[in-house]
N, C-alpha and C. Protein backbone atom coordinates (compact mmCIF):
# COMPACT_ATOMS: atom_id res chain seq x y z
N MET A 1 11.89 12.28 13.71
CA MET A 1 11.41 10.98 13.22
C MET A 1 12.61 10.10 12.88
N LYS A 2 12.70 8.92 13.49
CA LYS A 2 13.76 7.98 13.19
C LYS A 2 13.23 6.97 12.18
N LEU A 3 13.81 6.97 10.99
CA LEU A 3 13.32 6.14 9.90
C LEU A 3 13.97 4.77 9.90
N GLY A 4 13.42 3.89 9.06
CA GLY A 4 13.98 2.56 8.92
C GLY A 4 15.28 2.57 8.14
N PRO A 5 15.96 1.43 8.07
CA PRO A 5 17.27 1.34 7.42
C PRO A 5 17.28 1.90 6.00
N ASP A 6 18.26 2.77 5.73
CA ASP A 6 18.56 3.33 4.41
C ASP A 6 17.56 4.37 3.91
N GLU A 7 16.46 4.57 4.61
CA GLU A 7 15.42 5.47 4.11
C GLU A 7 15.74 6.92 4.46
N PRO A 8 15.77 7.82 3.48
CA PRO A 8 16.04 9.23 3.77
C PRO A 8 14.76 9.97 4.17
N LEU A 9 14.91 11.02 4.96
CA LEU A 9 13.76 11.84 5.32
C LEU A 9 13.30 12.62 4.11
N ALA A 10 12.00 12.57 3.84
CA ALA A 10 11.43 13.31 2.72
C ALA A 10 11.28 14.78 3.07
N GLY A 11 10.90 15.58 2.11
CA GLY A 11 10.68 17.00 2.30
C GLY A 11 10.99 17.74 1.02
N PRO A 12 10.68 19.02 0.98
CA PRO A 12 9.98 19.81 2.01
C PRO A 12 8.52 19.35 2.16
N TRP A 13 8.00 19.56 3.37
CA TRP A 13 6.66 19.10 3.68
C TRP A 13 5.64 20.23 3.53
N GLN A 14 4.42 19.86 3.22
CA GLN A 14 3.31 20.80 3.25
C GLN A 14 2.08 20.07 3.75
N GLU A 15 1.17 20.81 4.33
CA GLU A 15 -0.07 20.21 4.82
C GLU A 15 -1.18 20.46 3.81
N LEU A 16 -1.88 19.39 3.46
CA LEU A 16 -2.99 19.46 2.52
C LEU A 16 -4.22 18.81 3.15
N THR A 17 -5.38 19.28 2.76
CA THR A 17 -6.58 18.55 3.15
C THR A 17 -6.60 17.23 2.39
N PRO A 18 -7.22 16.20 2.96
CA PRO A 18 -7.32 14.94 2.23
C PRO A 18 -7.95 15.10 0.85
N ILE A 19 -8.93 15.99 0.72
CA ILE A 19 -9.57 16.19 -0.58
C ILE A 19 -8.57 16.74 -1.59
N ASP A 20 -7.77 17.72 -1.18
CA ASP A 20 -6.79 18.30 -2.10
C ASP A 20 -5.71 17.28 -2.44
N PHE A 21 -5.30 16.49 -1.46
CA PHE A 21 -4.29 15.48 -1.76
C PHE A 21 -4.82 14.44 -2.74
N ALA A 22 -6.04 13.97 -2.52
CA ALA A 22 -6.64 13.00 -3.43
C ALA A 22 -6.71 13.56 -4.85
N ALA A 23 -7.06 14.84 -4.98
CA ALA A 23 -7.13 15.46 -6.30
C ALA A 23 -5.75 15.52 -6.94
N SER A 24 -4.72 15.81 -6.16
CA SER A 24 -3.36 15.87 -6.70
C SER A 24 -2.90 14.50 -7.19
N VAL A 25 -3.23 13.47 -6.44
CA VAL A 25 -2.83 12.12 -6.84
C VAL A 25 -3.55 11.71 -8.12
N GLN A 26 -4.84 12.01 -8.20
CA GLN A 26 -5.58 11.66 -9.42
C GLN A 26 -5.04 12.41 -10.63
N ALA A 27 -4.69 13.68 -10.44
CA ALA A 27 -4.13 14.45 -11.56
C ALA A 27 -2.79 13.88 -12.00
N ALA A 28 -1.97 13.47 -11.05
CA ALA A 28 -0.66 12.90 -11.40
C ALA A 28 -0.80 11.57 -12.12
N ALA A 29 -1.86 10.82 -11.79
CA ALA A 29 -2.07 9.51 -12.42
C ALA A 29 -2.59 9.64 -13.85
N GLY A 30 -3.05 10.81 -14.23
CA GLY A 30 -3.50 11.02 -15.60
C GLY A 30 -4.87 10.45 -15.85
N SER A 31 -5.18 10.28 -17.14
CA SER A 31 -6.50 9.78 -17.55
C SER A 31 -6.32 8.65 -18.56
N PRO A 32 -5.91 7.48 -18.09
CA PRO A 32 -5.72 6.35 -19.02
C PRO A 32 -7.02 5.97 -19.70
N ALA A 33 -6.94 5.64 -20.97
CA ALA A 33 -8.13 5.33 -21.75
C ALA A 33 -8.59 3.90 -21.50
N GLY A 34 -9.86 3.75 -21.17
CA GLY A 34 -10.46 2.43 -21.11
C GLY A 34 -10.12 1.60 -19.89
N ARG A 35 -9.53 2.22 -18.88
CA ARG A 35 -9.18 1.47 -17.68
C ARG A 35 -9.06 2.42 -16.50
N PRO A 36 -9.06 1.90 -15.27
CA PRO A 36 -8.91 2.77 -14.10
C PRO A 36 -7.48 3.26 -13.93
N ARG A 37 -7.31 4.35 -13.23
CA ARG A 37 -6.00 4.75 -12.74
C ARG A 37 -5.53 3.71 -11.73
N LEU A 38 -4.26 3.36 -11.78
CA LEU A 38 -3.71 2.37 -10.86
C LEU A 38 -2.66 3.06 -9.99
N ILE A 39 -2.93 3.12 -8.70
CA ILE A 39 -2.14 3.93 -7.78
C ILE A 39 -1.68 3.06 -6.61
N ALA A 40 -0.38 3.01 -6.39
CA ALA A 40 0.18 2.23 -5.28
C ALA A 40 0.25 3.07 -4.02
N VAL A 41 -0.10 2.47 -2.90
CA VAL A 41 0.07 3.07 -1.58
C VAL A 41 1.01 2.14 -0.81
N ASP A 42 2.27 2.53 -0.75
CA ASP A 42 3.35 1.69 -0.23
C ASP A 42 3.87 2.27 1.08
N GLY A 43 4.59 1.48 1.83
CA GLY A 43 5.18 1.94 3.08
C GLY A 43 5.51 0.75 3.96
N ARG A 44 6.19 1.01 5.05
CA ARG A 44 6.53 -0.06 5.98
C ARG A 44 5.29 -0.55 6.73
N SER A 45 5.39 -1.74 7.29
CA SER A 45 4.30 -2.25 8.10
C SER A 45 4.02 -1.28 9.26
N GLY A 46 2.75 -1.06 9.53
CA GLY A 46 2.36 -0.19 10.63
C GLY A 46 2.47 1.29 10.33
N SER A 47 2.74 1.65 9.07
CA SER A 47 2.97 3.07 8.74
C SER A 47 1.68 3.86 8.58
N GLY A 48 0.58 3.19 8.29
CA GLY A 48 -0.68 3.88 8.03
C GLY A 48 -1.16 3.75 6.60
N LYS A 49 -0.62 2.80 5.85
CA LYS A 49 -0.99 2.60 4.45
C LYS A 49 -2.47 2.29 4.28
N SER A 50 -2.96 1.33 5.07
CA SER A 50 -4.36 0.91 4.91
C SER A 50 -5.31 2.06 5.21
N THR A 51 -5.00 2.84 6.24
CA THR A 51 -5.83 3.99 6.58
C THR A 51 -5.84 5.00 5.45
N LEU A 52 -4.66 5.30 4.89
CA LEU A 52 -4.59 6.27 3.80
C LEU A 52 -5.32 5.75 2.57
N ALA A 53 -5.11 4.48 2.21
CA ALA A 53 -5.78 3.93 1.03
C ALA A 53 -7.30 3.97 1.20
N GLY A 54 -7.77 3.65 2.41
CA GLY A 54 -9.20 3.71 2.64
C GLY A 54 -9.75 5.12 2.53
N ARG A 55 -8.99 6.09 3.01
CA ARG A 55 -9.43 7.49 2.92
C ARG A 55 -9.46 7.94 1.47
N LEU A 56 -8.45 7.57 0.69
CA LEU A 56 -8.43 7.94 -0.72
C LEU A 56 -9.59 7.29 -1.48
N ARG A 57 -9.91 6.06 -1.12
CA ARG A 57 -11.06 5.41 -1.76
C ARG A 57 -12.34 6.17 -1.46
N GLU A 58 -12.50 6.59 -0.21
CA GLU A 58 -13.70 7.33 0.16
C GLU A 58 -13.82 8.64 -0.62
N LEU A 59 -12.68 9.26 -0.92
CA LEU A 59 -12.67 10.56 -1.58
C LEU A 59 -12.61 10.46 -3.10
N THR A 60 -12.55 9.24 -3.63
CA THR A 60 -12.46 9.04 -5.07
C THR A 60 -13.66 8.22 -5.52
N PRO A 61 -14.71 8.86 -5.98
CA PRO A 61 -15.91 8.11 -6.36
C PRO A 61 -15.61 7.02 -7.38
N GLY A 62 -16.22 5.86 -7.17
CA GLY A 62 -16.06 4.76 -8.10
C GLY A 62 -14.75 4.03 -8.01
N SER A 63 -14.02 4.18 -6.92
CA SER A 63 -12.70 3.56 -6.79
C SER A 63 -12.77 2.31 -5.91
N ALA A 64 -11.65 1.58 -5.88
CA ALA A 64 -11.56 0.35 -5.09
C ALA A 64 -10.15 0.22 -4.54
N VAL A 65 -10.00 -0.67 -3.55
CA VAL A 65 -8.70 -0.95 -2.95
C VAL A 65 -8.40 -2.44 -3.08
N VAL A 66 -7.17 -2.77 -3.47
CA VAL A 66 -6.67 -4.14 -3.46
C VAL A 66 -5.51 -4.19 -2.47
N HIS A 67 -5.54 -5.16 -1.56
CA HIS A 67 -4.50 -5.30 -0.55
C HIS A 67 -3.49 -6.37 -0.97
N THR A 68 -2.22 -6.02 -0.96
CA THR A 68 -1.20 -7.02 -1.30
C THR A 68 -1.25 -8.21 -0.35
N ASP A 69 -1.63 -7.98 0.90
CA ASP A 69 -1.70 -9.09 1.86
C ASP A 69 -2.68 -10.17 1.41
N ASP A 70 -3.74 -9.78 0.70
CA ASP A 70 -4.69 -10.78 0.22
C ASP A 70 -4.08 -11.62 -0.89
N VAL A 71 -3.29 -11.00 -1.75
CA VAL A 71 -2.62 -11.75 -2.81
C VAL A 71 -1.54 -12.65 -2.21
N ALA A 72 -0.83 -12.14 -1.20
CA ALA A 72 0.31 -12.86 -0.62
C ALA A 72 -0.11 -13.94 0.38
N TRP A 73 -1.35 -13.97 0.79
CA TRP A 73 -1.82 -14.83 1.88
C TRP A 73 -1.39 -16.27 1.70
N TRP A 74 -0.59 -16.78 2.64
CA TRP A 74 -0.08 -18.15 2.65
C TRP A 74 0.64 -18.52 1.35
N HIS A 75 1.14 -17.52 0.63
CA HIS A 75 1.92 -17.77 -0.58
C HIS A 75 3.38 -17.42 -0.34
N SER A 76 3.63 -16.14 -0.09
CA SER A 76 4.99 -15.66 0.17
C SER A 76 4.87 -14.24 0.68
N ARG A 77 5.70 -13.87 1.65
CA ARG A 77 5.62 -12.50 2.16
C ARG A 77 5.93 -11.49 1.07
N PHE A 78 6.91 -11.78 0.22
CA PHE A 78 7.29 -10.80 -0.79
C PHE A 78 7.49 -11.39 -2.18
N GLY A 79 7.17 -12.66 -2.36
CA GLY A 79 7.31 -13.27 -3.68
C GLY A 79 6.00 -13.36 -4.45
N TRP A 80 5.14 -12.35 -4.27
CA TRP A 80 3.79 -12.41 -4.82
C TRP A 80 3.61 -11.56 -6.09
N ALA A 81 4.67 -10.91 -6.59
CA ALA A 81 4.51 -10.00 -7.73
C ALA A 81 3.87 -10.67 -8.95
N PRO A 82 4.29 -11.88 -9.36
CA PRO A 82 3.64 -12.50 -10.53
C PRO A 82 2.14 -12.69 -10.36
N LEU A 83 1.70 -13.05 -9.14
CA LEU A 83 0.27 -13.21 -8.89
C LEU A 83 -0.46 -11.88 -9.01
N MET A 84 0.13 -10.81 -8.47
CA MET A 84 -0.49 -9.50 -8.57
C MET A 84 -0.61 -9.05 -10.02
N ILE A 85 0.43 -9.32 -10.80
CA ILE A 85 0.40 -8.90 -12.20
C ILE A 85 -0.64 -9.68 -12.98
N SER A 86 -0.59 -11.00 -12.91
CA SER A 86 -1.49 -11.81 -13.74
C SER A 86 -2.93 -11.78 -13.24
N GLY A 87 -3.10 -11.74 -11.91
CA GLY A 87 -4.44 -11.85 -11.36
C GLY A 87 -5.18 -10.54 -11.21
N VAL A 88 -4.43 -9.42 -11.08
CA VAL A 88 -5.07 -8.13 -10.79
C VAL A 88 -4.71 -7.07 -11.82
N LEU A 89 -3.43 -6.78 -11.99
CA LEU A 89 -3.05 -5.62 -12.80
C LEU A 89 -3.26 -5.84 -14.29
N ASP A 90 -2.95 -7.02 -14.79
CA ASP A 90 -3.18 -7.27 -16.22
C ASP A 90 -4.65 -7.15 -16.60
N PRO A 91 -5.58 -7.77 -15.85
CA PRO A 91 -7.00 -7.58 -16.19
C PRO A 91 -7.43 -6.12 -16.12
N LEU A 92 -6.96 -5.38 -15.12
CA LEU A 92 -7.34 -3.97 -15.02
C LEU A 92 -6.80 -3.18 -16.19
N HIS A 93 -5.59 -3.48 -16.63
CA HIS A 93 -5.03 -2.79 -17.80
C HIS A 93 -5.84 -3.08 -19.06
N ALA A 94 -6.45 -4.24 -19.11
CA ALA A 94 -7.28 -4.60 -20.26
C ALA A 94 -8.69 -4.05 -20.17
N GLY A 95 -8.96 -3.28 -19.12
CA GLY A 95 -10.29 -2.70 -18.95
C GLY A 95 -11.31 -3.68 -18.40
N LEU A 96 -10.84 -4.78 -17.83
CA LEU A 96 -11.72 -5.80 -17.29
C LEU A 96 -11.87 -5.66 -15.79
N GLY A 97 -12.87 -6.30 -15.25
CA GLY A 97 -12.98 -6.42 -13.81
C GLY A 97 -12.05 -7.53 -13.32
N VAL A 98 -11.92 -7.63 -12.02
CA VAL A 98 -11.07 -8.64 -11.39
C VAL A 98 -11.94 -9.55 -10.53
N ARG A 99 -11.75 -10.85 -10.71
CA ARG A 99 -12.35 -11.85 -9.81
C ARG A 99 -11.31 -12.95 -9.66
N PHE A 100 -10.39 -12.72 -8.75
CA PHE A 100 -9.17 -13.52 -8.66
C PHE A 100 -9.15 -14.29 -7.35
N ARG A 101 -8.90 -15.58 -7.49
CA ARG A 101 -8.78 -16.46 -6.32
C ARG A 101 -7.36 -17.01 -6.31
N PRO A 102 -6.46 -16.43 -5.51
CA PRO A 102 -5.09 -16.92 -5.49
C PRO A 102 -5.01 -18.40 -5.13
N PRO A 103 -3.97 -19.08 -5.62
CA PRO A 103 -3.88 -20.53 -5.41
C PRO A 103 -3.97 -20.94 -3.94
N ALA A 104 -3.35 -20.18 -3.04
CA ALA A 104 -3.37 -20.57 -1.63
C ALA A 104 -4.77 -20.49 -1.04
N TRP A 105 -5.63 -19.61 -1.58
CA TRP A 105 -7.00 -19.55 -1.09
C TRP A 105 -7.70 -20.89 -1.35
N GLU A 106 -7.47 -21.43 -2.53
CA GLU A 106 -8.08 -22.71 -2.88
C GLU A 106 -7.49 -23.82 -2.02
N GLN A 107 -6.18 -23.83 -1.88
CA GLN A 107 -5.51 -24.89 -1.14
C GLN A 107 -5.89 -24.91 0.32
N ARG A 108 -6.14 -23.75 0.90
CA ARG A 108 -6.40 -23.66 2.34
C ARG A 108 -7.86 -23.35 2.67
N GLY A 109 -8.71 -23.38 1.66
CA GLY A 109 -10.13 -23.26 1.91
C GLY A 109 -10.62 -21.87 2.29
N ARG A 110 -9.87 -20.84 1.90
CA ARG A 110 -10.36 -19.48 2.15
C ARG A 110 -11.46 -19.16 1.15
N GLU A 111 -12.56 -18.68 1.62
CA GLU A 111 -13.70 -18.42 0.75
C GLU A 111 -13.55 -17.09 0.03
N GLY A 112 -14.28 -16.95 -1.08
CA GLY A 112 -14.38 -15.68 -1.79
C GLY A 112 -13.31 -15.46 -2.83
N PHE A 113 -13.24 -14.21 -3.29
CA PHE A 113 -12.34 -13.79 -4.34
C PHE A 113 -11.82 -12.39 -4.03
N ILE A 114 -10.72 -12.03 -4.64
CA ILE A 114 -10.32 -10.62 -4.74
C ILE A 114 -11.10 -10.05 -5.91
N GLU A 115 -11.96 -9.09 -5.64
CA GLU A 115 -12.87 -8.60 -6.67
C GLU A 115 -12.75 -7.09 -6.85
N VAL A 116 -12.70 -6.67 -8.10
CA VAL A 116 -12.75 -5.26 -8.48
C VAL A 116 -13.71 -5.16 -9.66
N PRO A 117 -14.78 -4.41 -9.55
CA PRO A 117 -15.72 -4.33 -10.66
C PRO A 117 -15.14 -3.59 -11.86
N ALA A 118 -15.56 -3.98 -13.03
CA ALA A 118 -15.17 -3.24 -14.23
C ALA A 118 -15.72 -1.83 -14.16
N GLY A 119 -15.00 -0.90 -14.77
CA GLY A 119 -15.47 0.48 -14.83
C GLY A 119 -15.09 1.34 -13.65
N CYS A 120 -14.21 0.85 -12.77
CA CYS A 120 -13.75 1.69 -11.66
C CYS A 120 -13.00 2.91 -12.18
N SER A 121 -13.07 3.99 -11.41
CA SER A 121 -12.32 5.19 -11.78
C SER A 121 -10.86 5.07 -11.39
N ALA A 122 -10.57 4.39 -10.28
CA ALA A 122 -9.21 4.22 -9.80
C ALA A 122 -9.17 2.98 -8.92
N VAL A 123 -7.99 2.35 -8.89
CA VAL A 123 -7.76 1.23 -7.98
C VAL A 123 -6.48 1.54 -7.20
N PHE A 124 -6.60 1.51 -5.88
CA PHE A 124 -5.46 1.74 -5.00
C PHE A 124 -4.92 0.38 -4.57
N VAL A 125 -3.68 0.11 -4.92
CA VAL A 125 -3.01 -1.13 -4.54
C VAL A 125 -2.21 -0.83 -3.29
N GLU A 126 -2.60 -1.45 -2.18
CA GLU A 126 -2.05 -1.08 -0.87
C GLU A 126 -1.28 -2.22 -0.25
N GLY A 127 -0.09 -1.92 0.27
CA GLY A 127 0.67 -2.90 1.01
C GLY A 127 2.16 -2.66 0.90
N VAL A 128 2.92 -3.36 1.73
CA VAL A 128 4.38 -3.26 1.66
C VAL A 128 4.83 -3.84 0.31
N GLY A 129 5.47 -3.02 -0.49
CA GLY A 129 5.90 -3.47 -1.81
C GLY A 129 4.90 -3.21 -2.90
N ALA A 130 3.86 -2.43 -2.63
CA ALA A 130 2.85 -2.16 -3.65
C ALA A 130 3.43 -1.43 -4.87
N SER A 131 4.52 -0.68 -4.67
CA SER A 131 5.15 0.02 -5.79
C SER A 131 6.51 -0.59 -6.15
N ARG A 132 6.68 -1.86 -5.87
CA ARG A 132 7.94 -2.55 -6.14
C ARG A 132 8.29 -2.47 -7.63
N ARG A 133 9.56 -2.70 -7.94
CA ARG A 133 10.05 -2.50 -9.30
C ARG A 133 9.26 -3.29 -10.34
N GLU A 134 8.91 -4.54 -10.01
CA GLU A 134 8.21 -5.37 -10.99
C GLU A 134 6.85 -4.81 -11.38
N LEU A 135 6.22 -4.07 -10.47
CA LEU A 135 4.88 -3.55 -10.73
C LEU A 135 4.88 -2.17 -11.35
N LEU A 136 5.99 -1.46 -11.23
CA LEU A 136 6.00 -0.05 -11.61
C LEU A 136 5.54 0.21 -13.04
N PRO A 137 5.90 -0.62 -14.04
CA PRO A 137 5.42 -0.34 -15.40
C PRO A 137 3.91 -0.40 -15.55
N LEU A 138 3.23 -1.01 -14.58
CA LEU A 138 1.78 -1.15 -14.66
C LEU A 138 1.04 -0.15 -13.77
N LEU A 139 1.78 0.74 -13.11
CA LEU A 139 1.19 1.72 -12.21
C LEU A 139 1.22 3.11 -12.81
N ASP A 140 0.25 3.94 -12.43
CA ASP A 140 0.19 5.32 -12.91
C ASP A 140 0.72 6.32 -11.90
N ALA A 141 0.75 5.96 -10.64
CA ALA A 141 1.28 6.84 -9.59
C ALA A 141 1.62 5.98 -8.38
N ALA A 142 2.54 6.48 -7.56
CA ALA A 142 2.95 5.74 -6.38
C ALA A 142 3.10 6.70 -5.20
N ILE A 143 2.61 6.27 -4.05
CA ILE A 143 2.70 7.02 -2.80
C ILE A 143 3.53 6.19 -1.83
N TRP A 144 4.45 6.84 -1.14
CA TRP A 144 5.19 6.19 -0.05
C TRP A 144 4.74 6.82 1.26
N VAL A 145 4.33 6.00 2.22
CA VAL A 145 3.92 6.47 3.54
C VAL A 145 5.13 6.36 4.46
N GLN A 146 5.68 7.49 4.85
CA GLN A 146 6.89 7.50 5.68
C GLN A 146 6.50 7.49 7.15
N SER A 147 7.24 6.70 7.94
CA SER A 147 6.84 6.52 9.33
C SER A 147 8.06 6.40 10.23
N ASP A 148 7.86 6.79 11.48
CA ASP A 148 8.85 6.54 12.50
C ASP A 148 8.95 5.03 12.73
N PHE A 149 10.16 4.50 12.71
CA PHE A 149 10.35 3.06 12.74
C PHE A 149 9.79 2.43 14.01
N ALA A 150 10.09 3.03 15.16
CA ALA A 150 9.62 2.47 16.42
C ALA A 150 8.11 2.62 16.59
N GLU A 151 7.58 3.76 16.16
CA GLU A 151 6.13 3.97 16.28
C GLU A 151 5.36 3.02 15.38
N ALA A 152 5.88 2.78 14.18
CA ALA A 152 5.23 1.83 13.28
C ALA A 152 5.20 0.43 13.91
N GLU A 153 6.29 0.05 14.57
CA GLU A 153 6.31 -1.25 15.25
C GLU A 153 5.27 -1.30 16.37
N ARG A 154 5.22 -0.25 17.18
CA ARG A 154 4.26 -0.23 18.28
C ARG A 154 2.83 -0.35 17.76
N ARG A 155 2.52 0.42 16.72
CA ARG A 155 1.17 0.38 16.17
C ARG A 155 0.87 -0.96 15.52
N GLY A 156 1.87 -1.51 14.82
CA GLY A 156 1.65 -2.77 14.13
C GLY A 156 1.39 -3.92 15.10
N ILE A 157 2.14 -3.96 16.18
CA ILE A 157 1.93 -5.03 17.17
C ILE A 157 0.57 -4.87 17.84
N LEU A 158 0.22 -3.64 18.19
CA LEU A 158 -1.09 -3.39 18.80
C LEU A 158 -2.22 -3.80 17.85
N ARG A 159 -2.04 -3.49 16.56
CA ARG A 159 -3.04 -3.90 15.55
C ARG A 159 -3.19 -5.41 15.52
N ASP A 160 -2.08 -6.13 15.53
CA ASP A 160 -2.14 -7.58 15.44
C ASP A 160 -2.76 -8.20 16.70
N VAL A 161 -2.51 -7.60 17.85
CA VAL A 161 -3.14 -8.06 19.08
C VAL A 161 -4.65 -7.88 18.99
N ASP A 162 -5.09 -6.69 18.56
CA ASP A 162 -6.52 -6.39 18.49
C ASP A 162 -7.22 -7.17 17.39
N ARG A 163 -6.58 -7.22 16.21
CA ARG A 163 -7.24 -7.82 15.04
C ARG A 163 -7.23 -9.34 15.07
N ASP A 164 -6.09 -9.91 15.48
CA ASP A 164 -5.91 -11.36 15.39
C ASP A 164 -6.05 -12.07 16.72
N GLY A 165 -6.23 -11.32 17.80
CA GLY A 165 -6.39 -11.93 19.11
C GLY A 165 -5.12 -12.56 19.66
N LEU A 166 -3.96 -12.05 19.21
CA LEU A 166 -2.68 -12.59 19.68
C LEU A 166 -2.31 -12.00 21.04
N ASP A 167 -1.58 -12.77 21.83
CA ASP A 167 -1.01 -12.16 23.02
C ASP A 167 0.19 -11.32 22.61
N PRO A 168 0.58 -10.32 23.40
CA PRO A 168 1.65 -9.41 22.98
C PRO A 168 2.96 -10.11 22.65
N GLY A 169 3.32 -11.16 23.39
CA GLY A 169 4.56 -11.86 23.11
C GLY A 169 4.56 -12.53 21.76
N THR A 170 3.45 -13.18 21.43
CA THR A 170 3.33 -13.83 20.12
C THR A 170 3.32 -12.79 19.01
N ALA A 171 2.60 -11.69 19.22
CA ALA A 171 2.56 -10.63 18.22
C ALA A 171 3.95 -10.06 17.96
N LYS A 172 4.74 -9.87 19.02
CA LYS A 172 6.09 -9.34 18.85
C LYS A 172 6.97 -10.34 18.11
N ARG A 173 6.85 -11.61 18.41
CA ARG A 173 7.65 -12.62 17.71
C ARG A 173 7.28 -12.66 16.23
N GLU A 174 5.99 -12.62 15.91
CA GLU A 174 5.58 -12.64 14.51
C GLU A 174 6.01 -11.37 13.80
N TRP A 175 6.00 -10.23 14.51
CA TRP A 175 6.48 -8.98 13.93
C TRP A 175 7.96 -9.10 13.57
N ASP A 176 8.75 -9.64 14.47
CA ASP A 176 10.18 -9.78 14.22
C ASP A 176 10.45 -10.72 13.04
N GLU A 177 9.66 -11.77 12.92
CA GLU A 177 9.82 -12.69 11.79
C GLU A 177 9.51 -11.97 10.46
N TRP A 178 8.47 -11.15 10.47
CA TRP A 178 8.13 -10.38 9.28
C TRP A 178 9.24 -9.38 8.95
N MET A 179 9.74 -8.67 9.96
CA MET A 179 10.79 -7.68 9.74
C MET A 179 12.06 -8.31 9.18
N ALA A 180 12.32 -9.56 9.54
CA ALA A 180 13.50 -10.24 9.02
C ALA A 180 13.46 -10.36 7.50
N GLU A 181 12.27 -10.27 6.91
CA GLU A 181 12.14 -10.28 5.45
C GLU A 181 11.84 -8.88 4.90
N GLU A 182 11.03 -8.11 5.63
CA GLU A 182 10.65 -6.78 5.12
C GLU A 182 11.86 -5.86 5.00
N ILE A 183 12.70 -5.81 6.01
CA ILE A 183 13.82 -4.86 5.99
C ILE A 183 14.75 -5.11 4.82
N PRO A 184 15.24 -6.33 4.58
CA PRO A 184 16.11 -6.52 3.41
C PRO A 184 15.38 -6.32 2.09
N PHE A 185 14.09 -6.66 2.03
CA PHE A 185 13.34 -6.42 0.80
C PHE A 185 13.31 -4.93 0.47
N LEU A 186 12.97 -4.09 1.45
CA LEU A 186 12.87 -2.66 1.19
C LEU A 186 14.24 -2.04 0.94
N ARG A 187 15.26 -2.51 1.62
CA ARG A 187 16.60 -1.98 1.38
C ARG A 187 17.05 -2.26 -0.06
N ALA A 188 16.66 -3.41 -0.59
CA ALA A 188 17.02 -3.75 -1.96
C ALA A 188 16.14 -3.04 -2.98
N ASP A 189 14.85 -2.93 -2.70
CA ASP A 189 13.91 -2.38 -3.69
C ASP A 189 13.83 -0.86 -3.65
N ARG A 190 13.95 -0.24 -2.48
CA ARG A 190 13.98 1.20 -2.29
C ARG A 190 12.80 1.92 -2.97
N PRO A 191 11.57 1.55 -2.62
CA PRO A 191 10.41 2.15 -3.29
C PRO A 191 10.25 3.63 -3.03
N TRP A 192 10.79 4.14 -1.92
CA TRP A 192 10.66 5.58 -1.63
C TRP A 192 11.33 6.43 -2.71
N GLU A 193 12.30 5.86 -3.43
CA GLU A 193 12.99 6.62 -4.48
C GLU A 193 12.12 6.80 -5.72
N ARG A 194 11.10 5.99 -5.88
CA ARG A 194 10.25 6.04 -7.08
C ARG A 194 8.90 6.69 -6.81
N ALA A 195 8.62 7.02 -5.56
CA ALA A 195 7.30 7.56 -5.22
C ALA A 195 7.14 8.99 -5.71
N GLY A 196 6.00 9.27 -6.31
CA GLY A 196 5.69 10.64 -6.71
C GLY A 196 5.22 11.49 -5.55
N PHE A 197 4.72 10.84 -4.50
CA PHE A 197 4.24 11.53 -3.30
C PHE A 197 4.72 10.77 -2.07
N VAL A 198 5.05 11.52 -1.03
CA VAL A 198 5.34 10.93 0.27
C VAL A 198 4.37 11.54 1.27
N VAL A 199 3.78 10.69 2.10
CA VAL A 199 2.85 11.13 3.15
C VAL A 199 3.42 10.70 4.49
N ARG A 200 3.41 11.60 5.45
CA ARG A 200 3.88 11.27 6.79
C ARG A 200 2.79 10.49 7.50
N GLY A 201 3.10 9.23 7.83
CA GLY A 201 2.11 8.37 8.46
C GLY A 201 2.14 8.41 9.97
N THR A 202 3.24 8.87 10.56
CA THR A 202 3.34 9.01 12.01
C THR A 202 3.90 10.39 12.31
N GLY A 203 3.66 10.87 13.51
CA GLY A 203 4.15 12.19 13.90
C GLY A 203 3.02 13.19 13.99
N ASP A 204 3.38 14.37 14.46
CA ASP A 204 2.38 15.41 14.67
C ASP A 204 2.02 16.12 13.38
N GLY A 205 0.82 16.59 13.31
CA GLY A 205 0.34 17.38 12.19
C GLY A 205 -0.95 18.05 12.57
N THR A 206 -1.37 19.02 11.80
CA THR A 206 -2.62 19.70 12.08
C THR A 206 -3.79 18.74 11.87
N PRO A 207 -4.68 18.60 12.84
CA PRO A 207 -5.81 17.69 12.67
C PRO A 207 -6.60 18.01 11.41
N GLY A 208 -6.98 16.97 10.69
CA GLY A 208 -7.77 17.15 9.48
C GLY A 208 -6.95 17.39 8.23
N THR A 209 -5.62 17.32 8.34
CA THR A 209 -4.77 17.51 7.17
C THR A 209 -3.81 16.32 7.03
N LEU A 210 -3.19 16.22 5.85
CA LEU A 210 -2.13 15.26 5.60
C LEU A 210 -0.83 16.02 5.40
N THR A 211 0.23 15.54 6.02
CA THR A 211 1.55 16.15 5.82
C THR A 211 2.21 15.41 4.66
N THR A 212 2.45 16.13 3.57
CA THR A 212 2.84 15.49 2.32
C THR A 212 4.07 16.16 1.71
N SER A 213 4.72 15.43 0.81
CA SER A 213 5.81 15.96 0.02
C SER A 213 5.65 15.43 -1.39
N LYS A 214 5.71 16.31 -2.38
CA LYS A 214 5.56 15.90 -3.77
C LYS A 214 6.91 15.87 -4.44
N ARG A 215 7.20 14.78 -5.14
CA ARG A 215 8.46 14.66 -5.87
C ARG A 215 8.34 15.29 -7.24
N ALA A 216 9.44 15.80 -7.75
CA ALA A 216 9.43 16.38 -9.10
C ALA A 216 9.26 15.29 -10.13
């Protein structure tokens, strides 16, 4: 596996069923009083973060997922931490539900809200930078999804073609523009060093299991 700039290979690895991994993450997050567990699912673009967060939500009754991309939408690729804190994490820490409409949604006419009902058991915050330094004091656990750099690019471009209807050339250009900000952001923030768990998002593994590494 060829990793992105500055990122070390995790290990030792073990294979766990998704159910066992979800239980380990919940145990590591503890039992905060009066509020949900707050768990970051971080990793490079195209690594498999959204898939993992969705699977963890399915295996964690009463949980929800918040996507950093929704907070960042037409605001800033990586300058969204204050919005995430004030609009999502602070209310959850207070035991409240979330009904947050970021400023750009109003300005650009995007309908709806980022919503998390009160009383959730856990909230998975998913996206590049979900466990960034500014958010760490408000999180109970962090997962880093490690991926092969080239495979993540291939999957990410294919996703954008399928999801957004882009032609491959446009998708590649937009990917490169994103990488021009993502790579220096991750090199400076180094979220893999703070993750309690690392999950292999690309590469071979036994079907039906997750290849994981737990940090001390």
